[in-house]
Amino acid sequence: MPAHSFWPPMIASLLACLVTTIGIYVIKTHEQWGRKAITYFICFAAGVLIAVPFLHIIPEALLMNPRAPAFLLIGFLVLHLTNRYLEGFVCGKERDISCTVGMIAALGIGFHSFIDGVVYSVTFSVSTFTGILAATGMILHEFPEGIITFLLLLQSGFNARTSALYAFLAAAISTPLGTLVSYPFVSSLEKSALGMLLALSAGALIYVGATHLLPEAERAHKRYGLLALLSGIAVAVIIIMSKAH
């Protein structure tokens, strides 16, 4: 594979870090508005994150590696099992979301955000367009992720200042760190290996959109939640179609 510039994925991951930080700041300073608006951001991000893999990333991965569907499934299952392990480690036999708080929850979110940074390295190594498509949905979901991380830490007993600091370390700065660590390895891979990683990334994106964001949106029952979801899908379709033409 030809060498790609380090800066597009790094800039995208730094932008994701910034958006997460804005989410933390908004919920810390405007808690009432943040709680009302979070569902719409979640719905919109879910629409983008579900549409982009099916319409662009998976077909791209198939062109690069014929075994891409298997790696798509593996990517989905790895994130599912990782999250199940983290929830079991934190919660034991309990199922209440309130148990997934404190430093262990922050570490789990930090791991997820680190993987986001790896996804930036993979998608931008395929092409700038693929990277931008993936980054669109991922960056949008960073805003509610910053809010959620702050609220989880706040519920666990930390004060607002400490919750904001830990949320920044876990959910924000870990993303560019993931890109920084992974890019030197990802950028030098052959086409088939990159296709494998792209399929794994697609599985991860579908998992985040379908099993993390959509259930949260459905539980909220916001009046315009479906419209926000469809808007996210429409944005993804328009971007992909404009590239095709």
C-alpha atoms as a PDB file:
ATOM      1  CA  MET A   1       0.000   0.000   0.000  1.00  0.00           C
ATOM      2  CA  PRO A   2       1.245   3.514  -0.664  1.00  0.00           C
ATOM      3  CA  ALA A   3       2.177   5.675   2.271  1.00  0.00           C
ATOM      4  CA  HIS A   4      -0.530   7.974   3.556  1.00  0.00           C
ATOM      5  CA  SER A   5      -0.173  11.169   5.498  1.00  0.00           C
ATOM      6  CA  PHE A   6      -0.219  10.913   9.273  1.00  0.00           C
ATOM      7  CA  TRP A   7      -2.026  14.211   9.699  1.00  0.00           C
ATOM      8  CA  PRO A   8      -5.589  13.497   8.423  1.00  0.00           C
ATOM      9  CA  PRO A   9      -6.282  10.730  10.992  1.00  0.00           C
ATOM     10  CA  MET A  10      -4.479  12.685  13.688  1.00  0.00           C
ATOM     11  CA  ILE A  11      -6.466  15.848  12.983  1.00  0.00           C
ATOM     12  CA  ALA A  12      -9.697  13.802  12.991  1.00  0.00           C
ATOM     13  CA  SER A  13      -8.826  12.232  16.348  1.00  0.00           C
ATOM     14  CA  LEU A  14      -7.896  15.636  17.800  1.00  0.00           C
ATOM     15  CA  LEU A  15     -11.238  16.987  16.551  1.00  0.00           C
ATOM     16  CA  ALA A  16     -12.969  14.043  18.252  1.00  0.00           C
ATOM     17  CA  CYS A  17     -11.073  14.916  21.436  1.00  0.00           C
ATOM     18  CA  LEU A  18     -12.251  18.521  21.123  1.00  0.00           C
ATOM     19  CA  VAL A  19     -15.897  17.526  20.579  1.00  0.00           C
ATOM     20  CA  THR A  20     -15.791  15.209  23.608  1.00  0.00           C
ATOM     21  CA  THR A  21     -14.308  18.036  25.668  1.00  0.00           C
ATOM     22  CA  ILE A  22     -17.084  20.378  24.511  1.00  0.00           C
ATOM     23  CA  GLY A  23     -19.643  17.763  25.586  1.00  0.00           C
ATOM     24  CA  ILE A  24     -18.041  17.599  29.043  1.00  0.00           C
ATOM     25  CA  TYR A  25     -17.987  21.399  29.294  1.00  0.00           C
ATOM     26  CA  VAL A  26     -21.624  21.756  28.177  1.00  0.00           C
ATOM     27  CA  ILE A  27     -22.980  19.222  30.674  1.00  0.00           C
ATOM     28  CA  LYS A  28     -20.848  20.720  33.455  1.00  0.00           C
ATOM     29  CA  THR A  29     -22.016  24.280  32.824  1.00  0.00           C
ATOM     30  CA  HIS A  30     -25.461  23.767  31.202  1.00  0.00           C
ATOM     31  CA  GLU A  31     -26.675  20.510  32.679  1.00  0.00           C
ATOM     32  CA  GLN A  32     -30.390  21.007  31.996  1.00  0.00           C
ATOM     33  CA  TRP A  33     -29.911  21.740  28.265  1.00  0.00           C
ATOM     34  CA  GLY A  34     -27.379  18.933  27.920  1.00  0.00           C
ATOM     35  CA  ARG A  35     -29.777  16.341  29.342  1.00  0.00           C
ATOM     36  CA  LYS A  36     -32.526  17.479  26.939  1.00  0.00           C
ATOM     37  CA  ALA A  37     -30.395  17.586  23.776  1.00  0.00           C
ATOM     38  CA  ILE A  38     -28.254  14.480  24.258  1.00  0.00           C
ATOM     39  CA  THR A  39     -30.828  12.091  22.759  1.00  0.00           C
ATOM     40  CA  TYR A  40     -30.912  13.961  19.445  1.00  0.00           C
ATOM     41  CA  PHE A  41     -27.122  13.856  19.134  1.00  0.00           C
ATOM     42  CA  ILE A  42     -27.230  10.126  19.920  1.00  0.00           C
ATOM     43  CA  CYS A  43     -29.918   9.462  17.275  1.00  0.00           C
ATOM     44  CA  PHE A  44     -28.124  11.455  14.584  1.00  0.00           C
ATOM     45  CA  ALA A  45     -24.772   9.803  15.310  1.00  0.00           C
ATOM     46  CA  ALA A  46     -26.416   6.362  15.294  1.00  0.00           C
ATOM     47  CA  GLY A  47     -27.855   7.013  11.838  1.00  0.00           C
ATOM     48  CA  VAL A  48     -24.446   7.944  10.431  1.00  0.00           C
ATOM     49  CA  LEU A  49     -22.570   5.126  12.184  1.00  0.00           C
ATOM     50  CA  ILE A  50     -24.997   2.470  10.910  1.00  0.00           C
ATOM     51  CA  ALA A  51     -25.330   3.790   7.341  1.00  0.00           C
ATOM     52  CA  VAL A  52     -21.641   4.408   6.592  1.00  0.00           C
ATOM     53  CA  PRO A  53     -20.410   0.806   7.187  1.00  0.00           C
ATOM     54  CA  PHE A  54     -23.206  -0.781   5.120  1.00  0.00           C
ATOM     55  CA  LEU A  55     -23.071   1.691   2.238  1.00  0.00           C
ATOM     56  CA  HIS A  56     -19.333   2.311   1.917  1.00  0.00           C
ATOM     57  CA  ILE A  57     -16.903   0.677   4.352  1.00  0.00           C
ATOM     58  CA  ILE A  58     -18.066  -2.950   3.953  1.00  0.00           C
ATOM     59  CA  PRO A  59     -18.105  -2.820   0.119  1.00  0.00           C
ATOM     60  CA  GLU A  60     -14.637  -1.221   0.243  1.00  0.00           C
ATOM     61  CA  ALA A  61     -13.368  -3.945   2.578  1.00  0.00           C
ATOM     62  CA  LEU A  62     -14.777  -6.662   0.292  1.00  0.00           C
ATOM     63  CA  LEU A  63     -12.800  -5.267  -2.642  1.00  0.00           C
ATOM     64  CA  MET A  64      -9.615  -5.428  -0.595  1.00  0.00           C
ATOM     65  CA  ASN A  65     -10.163  -8.767   1.159  1.00  0.00           C
ATOM     66  CA  PRO A  66     -12.687 -11.468   0.107  1.00  0.00           C
ATOM     67  CA  ARG A  67     -12.892 -12.725   3.705  1.00  0.00           C
ATOM     68  CA  ALA A  68     -14.100  -9.328   4.915  1.00  0.00           C
ATOM     69  CA  PRO A  69     -17.545 -10.598   6.101  1.00  0.00           C
ATOM     70  CA  ALA A  70     -15.872 -12.940   8.601  1.00  0.00           C
ATOM     71  CA  PHE A  71     -13.781 -10.093   9.983  1.00  0.00           C
ATOM     72  CA  LEU A  72     -16.870  -7.872  10.091  1.00  0.00           C
ATOM     73  CA  LEU A  73     -18.494 -10.410  12.388  1.00  0.00           C
ATOM     74  CA  ILE A  74     -15.321 -10.732  14.464  1.00  0.00           C
ATOM     75  CA  GLY A  75     -15.128  -6.953  14.892  1.00  0.00           C
ATOM     76  CA  PHE A  76     -18.722  -6.847  16.102  1.00  0.00           C
ATOM     77  CA  LEU A  77     -18.243  -9.777  18.494  1.00  0.00           C
ATOM     78  CA  VAL A  78     -14.941  -8.510  19.912  1.00  0.00           C
ATOM     79  CA  LEU A  79     -16.544  -5.232  20.969  1.00  0.00           C
ATOM     80  CA  HIS A  80     -19.600  -7.056  22.276  1.00  0.00           C
ATOM     81  CA  LEU A  81     -17.551  -9.487  24.366  1.00  0.00           C
ATOM     82  CA  THR A  82     -15.257  -6.701  25.585  1.00  0.00           C
ATOM     83  CA  ASN A  83     -18.225  -4.669  26.772  1.00  0.00           C
ATOM     84  CA  ARG A  84     -19.813  -7.747  28.374  1.00  0.00           C
ATOM     85  CA  TYR A  85     -16.574  -8.442  30.217  1.00  0.00           C
ATOM     86  CA  LEU A  86     -16.295  -4.858  31.448  1.00  0.00           C
ATOM     87  CA  GLU A  87     -19.932  -4.808  32.589  1.00  0.00           C
ATOM     88  CA  GLY A  88     -19.519  -8.165  34.335  1.00  0.00           C
ATOM     89  CA  PHE A  89     -16.302  -7.063  36.003  1.00  0.00           C
ATOM     90  CA  VAL A  90     -17.906  -3.884  37.282  1.00  0.00           C
ATOM     91  CA  CYS A  91     -21.442  -5.042  37.982  1.00  0.00           C
ATOM     92  CA  GLY A  92     -21.214  -8.717  38.803  1.00  0.00           C
ATOM     93  CA  LYS A  93     -24.715 -10.160  38.482  1.00  0.00           C
ATOM     94  CA  GLU A  94     -26.467  -6.798  38.617  1.00  0.00           C
ATOM     95  CA  ARG A  95     -28.010  -5.277  35.500  1.00  0.00           C
ATOM     96  CA  ASP A  96     -28.681  -1.744  36.680  1.00  0.00           C
ATOM     97  CA  ILE A  97     -26.744   0.851  34.655  1.00  0.00           C
ATOM     98  CA  SER A  98     -26.062   2.758  37.866  1.00  0.00           C
ATOM     99  CA  CYS A  99     -23.495   0.143  38.866  1.00  0.00           C
ATOM    100  CA  THR A 100     -21.244   0.960  35.899  1.00  0.00           C
ATOM    101  CA  VAL A 101     -19.822   4.083  37.476  1.00  0.00           C
ATOM    102  CA  GLY A 102     -16.551   5.268  38.942  1.00  0.00           C
ATOM    103  CA  MET A 103     -13.040   4.665  37.778  1.00  0.00           C
ATOM    104  CA  ILE A 104     -13.674   1.230  36.254  1.00  0.00           C
ATOM    105  CA  ALA A 105     -16.407   2.692  34.046  1.00  0.00           C
ATOM    106  CA  ALA A 106     -14.015   5.464  33.042  1.00  0.00           C
ATOM    107  CA  LEU A 107     -11.376   2.876  32.129  1.00  0.00           C
ATOM    108  CA  GLY A 108     -13.898   1.003  29.996  1.00  0.00           C
ATOM    109  CA  ILE A 109     -14.871   4.191  28.159  1.00  0.00           C
ATOM    110  CA  GLY A 110     -11.183   5.031  27.795  1.00  0.00           C
ATOM    111  CA  PHE A 111     -10.550   1.679  26.104  1.00  0.00           C
ATOM    112  CA  HIS A 112     -13.442   2.292  23.717  1.00  0.00           C
ATOM    113  CA  SER A 113     -12.128   5.773  22.881  1.00  0.00           C
ATOM    114  CA  PHE A 114      -8.633   4.360  22.315  1.00  0.00           C
ATOM    115  CA  ILE A 115     -10.121   1.916  19.775  1.00  0.00           C
ATOM    116  CA  ASP A 116     -11.814   4.894  18.075  1.00  0.00           C
ATOM    117  CA  GLY A 117      -8.329   6.302  17.505  1.00  0.00           C
ATOM    118  CA  VAL A 118      -7.249   3.016  15.924  1.00  0.00           C
ATOM    119  CA  VAL A 119     -10.297   3.129  13.616  1.00  0.00           C
ATOM    120  CA  TYR A 120      -9.184   6.569  12.384  1.00  0.00           C
ATOM    121  CA  SER A 121      -5.762   5.133  11.506  1.00  0.00           C
ATOM    122  CA  VAL A 122      -7.333   2.240   9.590  1.00  0.00           C
ATOM    123  CA  THR A 123      -9.973   4.161   7.632  1.00  0.00           C
ATOM    124  CA  PHE A 124      -7.716   7.052   6.618  1.00  0.00           C
ATOM    125  CA  SER A 125      -5.043   4.568   5.516  1.00  0.00           C
ATOM    126  CA  VAL A 126      -7.572   3.159   3.018  1.00  0.00           C
ATOM    127  CA  SER A 127      -8.504   6.579   1.621  1.00  0.00           C
ATOM    128  CA  THR A 128      -9.186  10.100   2.804  1.00  0.00           C
ATOM    129  CA  PHE A 129     -12.844   9.762   1.756  1.00  0.00           C
ATOM    130  CA  THR A 130     -13.316   6.555   3.763  1.00  0.00           C
ATOM    131  CA  GLY A 131     -11.673   8.209   6.758  1.00  0.00           C
ATOM    132  CA  ILE A 132     -13.882  11.290   6.525  1.00  0.00           C
ATOM    133  CA  LEU A 133     -17.030   9.171   6.280  1.00  0.00           C
ATOM    134  CA  ALA A 134     -16.130   7.125   9.352  1.00  0.00           C
ATOM    135  CA  ALA A 135     -14.978  10.216  11.224  1.00  0.00           C
ATOM    136  CA  THR A 136     -18.287  12.030  10.567  1.00  0.00           C
ATOM    137  CA  GLY A 137     -20.333   9.599  12.618  1.00  0.00           C
ATOM    138  CA  MET A 138     -17.641   8.919  15.182  1.00  0.00           C
ATOM    139  CA  ILE A 139     -16.967  12.577  15.928  1.00  0.00           C
ATOM    140  CA  LEU A 140     -20.702  13.251  16.286  1.00  0.00           C
ATOM    141  CA  HIS A 141     -21.028  10.477  18.856  1.00  0.00           C
ATOM    142  CA  GLU A 142     -18.152  11.940  20.892  1.00  0.00           C
ATOM    143  CA  PHE A 143     -20.343  14.813  22.120  1.00  0.00           C
ATOM    144  CA  PRO A 144     -22.890  12.591  23.912  1.00  0.00           C
ATOM    145  CA  GLU A 145     -20.071  10.279  25.015  1.00  0.00           C
ATOM    146  CA  GLY A 146     -18.432  13.177  26.854  1.00  0.00           C
ATOM    147  CA  ILE A 147     -21.753  13.992  28.529  1.00  0.00           C
ATOM    148  CA  ILE A 148     -22.407  10.367  29.512  1.00  0.00           C
ATOM    149  CA  THR A 149     -18.900   9.884  30.923  1.00  0.00           C
ATOM    150  CA  PHE A 150     -19.191  13.004  33.051  1.00  0.00           C
ATOM    151  CA  LEU A 151     -22.621  11.995  34.389  1.00  0.00           C
ATOM    152  CA  LEU A 152     -21.449   8.456  35.251  1.00  0.00           C
ATOM    153  CA  LEU A 153     -18.514   9.811  37.220  1.00  0.00           C
ATOM    154  CA  LEU A 154     -20.705  12.420  38.895  1.00  0.00           C
ATOM    155  CA  GLN A 155     -23.184   9.715  39.963  1.00  0.00           C
ATOM    156  CA  SER A 156     -20.354   7.692  41.468  1.00  0.00           C
ATOM    157  CA  GLY A 157     -19.625  10.422  44.016  1.00  0.00           C
ATOM    158  CA  PHE A 158     -16.889  12.529  42.403  1.00  0.00           C
ATOM    159  CA  ASN A 159     -17.371  16.290  42.468  1.00  0.00           C
ATOM    160  CA  ALA A 160     -17.985  18.199  39.231  1.00  0.00           C
ATOM    161  CA  ARG A 161     -14.374  19.321  38.772  1.00  0.00           C
ATOM    162  CA  THR A 162     -12.909  15.841  39.311  1.00  0.00           C
ATOM    163  CA  SER A 163     -15.577  14.238  37.113  1.00  0.00           C
ATOM    164  CA  ALA A 164     -14.720  16.654  34.294  1.00  0.00           C
ATOM    165  CA  LEU A 165     -10.992  15.914  34.617  1.00  0.00           C
ATOM    166  CA  TYR A 166     -11.421  12.127  34.652  1.00  0.00           C
ATOM    167  CA  ALA A 167     -13.944  12.285  31.799  1.00  0.00           C
ATOM    168  CA  PHE A 168     -11.433  14.266  29.721  1.00  0.00           C
ATOM    169  CA  LEU A 169      -8.647  11.759  30.405  1.00  0.00           C
ATOM    170  CA  ALA A 170     -10.859   8.725  29.706  1.00  0.00           C
ATOM    171  CA  ALA A 171     -13.104   9.796  26.837  1.00  0.00           C
ATOM    172  CA  ALA A 172     -11.216  12.626  25.117  1.00  0.00           C
ATOM    173  CA  ILE A 173      -7.426  12.378  25.179  1.00  0.00           C
ATOM    174  CA  SER A 174      -7.415   8.589  24.724  1.00  0.00           C
ATOM    175  CA  THR A 175      -8.646   8.933  21.100  1.00  0.00           C
ATOM    176  CA  PRO A 176      -5.630  10.805  19.670  1.00  0.00           C
ATOM    177  CA  LEU A 177      -3.447   8.517  21.789  1.00  0.00           C
ATOM    178  CA  GLY A 178      -4.978   5.512  19.977  1.00  0.00           C
ATOM    179  CA  THR A 179      -4.217   7.107  16.600  1.00  0.00           C
ATOM    180  CA  LEU A 180      -0.678   8.017  17.636  1.00  0.00           C
ATOM    181  CA  VAL A 181       0.111   4.482  18.812  1.00  0.00           C
ATOM    182  CA  SER A 182      -1.552   2.574  15.960  1.00  0.00           C
ATOM    183  CA  TYR A 183      -0.744   4.644  12.856  1.00  0.00           C
ATOM    184  CA  PRO A 184       2.901   3.556  12.378  1.00  0.00           C
ATOM    185  CA  PHE A 185       1.766  -0.085  12.193  1.00  0.00           C
ATOM    186  CA  VAL A 186      -1.450   0.403  10.199  1.00  0.00           C
ATOM    187  CA  SER A 187       0.000   2.686   7.504  1.00  0.00           C
ATOM    188  CA  SER A 188       2.561   0.084   6.376  1.00  0.00           C
ATOM    189  CA  LEU A 189       0.131  -2.844   5.914  1.00  0.00           C
ATOM    190  CA  GLU A 190      -0.592  -4.625   2.625  1.00  0.00           C
ATOM    191  CA  LYS A 191      -3.962  -4.288   0.871  1.00  0.00           C
ATOM    192  CA  SER A 192      -5.478  -7.550   2.171  1.00  0.00           C
ATOM    193  CA  ALA A 193      -4.439  -6.851   5.767  1.00  0.00           C
ATOM    194  CA  LEU A 194      -5.832  -3.341   5.548  1.00  0.00           C
ATOM    195  CA  GLY A 195      -9.101  -4.762   4.177  1.00  0.00           C
ATOM    196  CA  MET A 196      -9.253  -7.087   7.169  1.00  0.00           C
ATOM    197  CA  LEU A 197      -8.787  -4.186   9.589  1.00  0.00           C
ATOM    198  CA  LEU A 198     -11.333  -2.125   7.664  1.00  0.00           C
ATOM    199  CA  ALA A 199     -13.904  -4.923   8.067  1.00  0.00           C
ATOM    200  CA  LEU A 200     -13.078  -5.158  11.780  1.00  0.00           C
ATOM    201  CA  SER A 201     -13.578  -1.393  12.030  1.00  0.00           C
ATOM    202  CA  ALA A 202     -16.950  -1.655  10.248  1.00  0.00           C
ATOM    203  CA  GLY A 203     -18.059  -4.282  12.770  1.00  0.00           C
ATOM    204  CA  ALA A 204     -17.001  -1.977  15.593  1.00  0.00           C
ATOM    205  CA  LEU A 205     -18.888   0.991  14.112  1.00  0.00           C
ATOM    206  CA  ILE A 206     -22.069  -1.060  13.639  1.00  0.00           C
ATOM    207  CA  TYR A 207     -21.790  -2.323  17.206  1.00  0.00           C
ATOM    208  CA  VAL A 208     -21.494   1.192  18.638  1.00  0.00           C
ATOM    209  CA  GLY A 209     -24.365   2.531  16.535  1.00  0.00           C
ATOM    210  CA  ALA A 210     -26.779  -0.388  16.852  1.00  0.00           C
ATOM    211  CA  THR A 211     -26.207  -1.620  20.399  1.00  0.00           C
ATOM    212  CA  HIS A 212     -25.029   1.454  22.315  1.00  0.00           C
ATOM    213  CA  LEU A 213     -26.589   4.497  20.695  1.00  0.00           C
ATOM    214  CA  LEU A 214     -29.929   3.234  19.344  1.00  0.00           C
ATOM    215  CA  PRO A 215     -31.105   1.567  22.597  1.00  0.00           C
ATOM    216  CA  GLU A 216     -30.346   4.781  24.491  1.00  0.00           C
ATOM    217  CA  ALA A 217     -32.375   6.744  21.946  1.00  0.00           C
ATOM    218  CA  GLU A 218     -35.290   4.318  22.095  1.00  0.00           C
ATOM    219  CA  ARG A 219     -35.431   4.440  25.886  1.00  0.00           C
ATOM    220  CA  ALA A 220     -35.679   8.234  25.818  1.00  0.00           C
ATOM    221  CA  HIS A 221     -38.789   8.318  23.567  1.00  0.00           C
ATOM    222  CA  LYS A 222     -38.036  11.820  22.296  1.00  0.00           C
ATOM    223  CA  ARG A 223     -40.589  13.257  19.876  1.00  0.00           C
ATOM    224  CA  TYR A 224     -38.130  13.960  17.068  1.00  0.00           C
ATOM    225  CA  GLY A 225     -35.704  11.121  17.784  1.00  0.00           C
ATOM    226  CA  LEU A 226     -36.650   9.179  14.632  1.00  0.00           C
ATOM    227  CA  LEU A 227     -36.241  12.328  12.534  1.00  0.00           C
ATOM    228  CA  ALA A 228     -32.742  12.827  13.957  1.00  0.00           C
ATOM    229  CA  LEU A 229     -31.883   9.188  13.171  1.00  0.00           C
ATOM    230  CA  LEU A 230     -33.141   9.486   9.586  1.00  0.00           C
ATOM    231  CA  SER A 231     -31.261  12.776   9.211  1.00  0.00           C
ATOM    232  CA  GLY A 232     -28.027  11.004  10.167  1.00  0.00           C
ATOM    233  CA  ILE A 233     -28.683   8.299   7.568  1.00  0.00           C
ATOM    234  CA  ALA A 234     -29.551  10.929   4.941  1.00  0.00           C
ATOM    235  CA  VAL A 235     -26.319  12.829   5.574  1.00  0.00           C
ATOM    236  CA  ALA A 236     -24.300   9.625   5.097  1.00  0.00           C
ATOM    237  CA  VAL A 237     -26.185   8.762   1.878  1.00  0.00           C
ATOM    238  CA  ILE A 238     -25.732  12.267   0.437  1.00  0.00           C
ATOM    239  CA  ILE A 239     -21.979  12.255   1.133  1.00  0.00           C
ATOM    240  CA  ILE A 240     -21.528   8.803  -0.417  1.00  0.00           C
ATOM    241  CA  MET A 241     -23.634   9.654  -3.481  1.00  0.00           C
ATOM    242  CA  SER A 242     -21.773  12.913  -4.040  1.00  0.00           C
ATOM    243  CA  LYS A 243     -18.506  10.968  -4.044  1.00  0.00           C
ATOM    244  CA  ALA A 244     -19.942   8.407  -6.501  1.00  0.00           C
ATOM    245  CA  HIS A 245     -20.923  11.147  -8.952  1.00  0.00           C
END
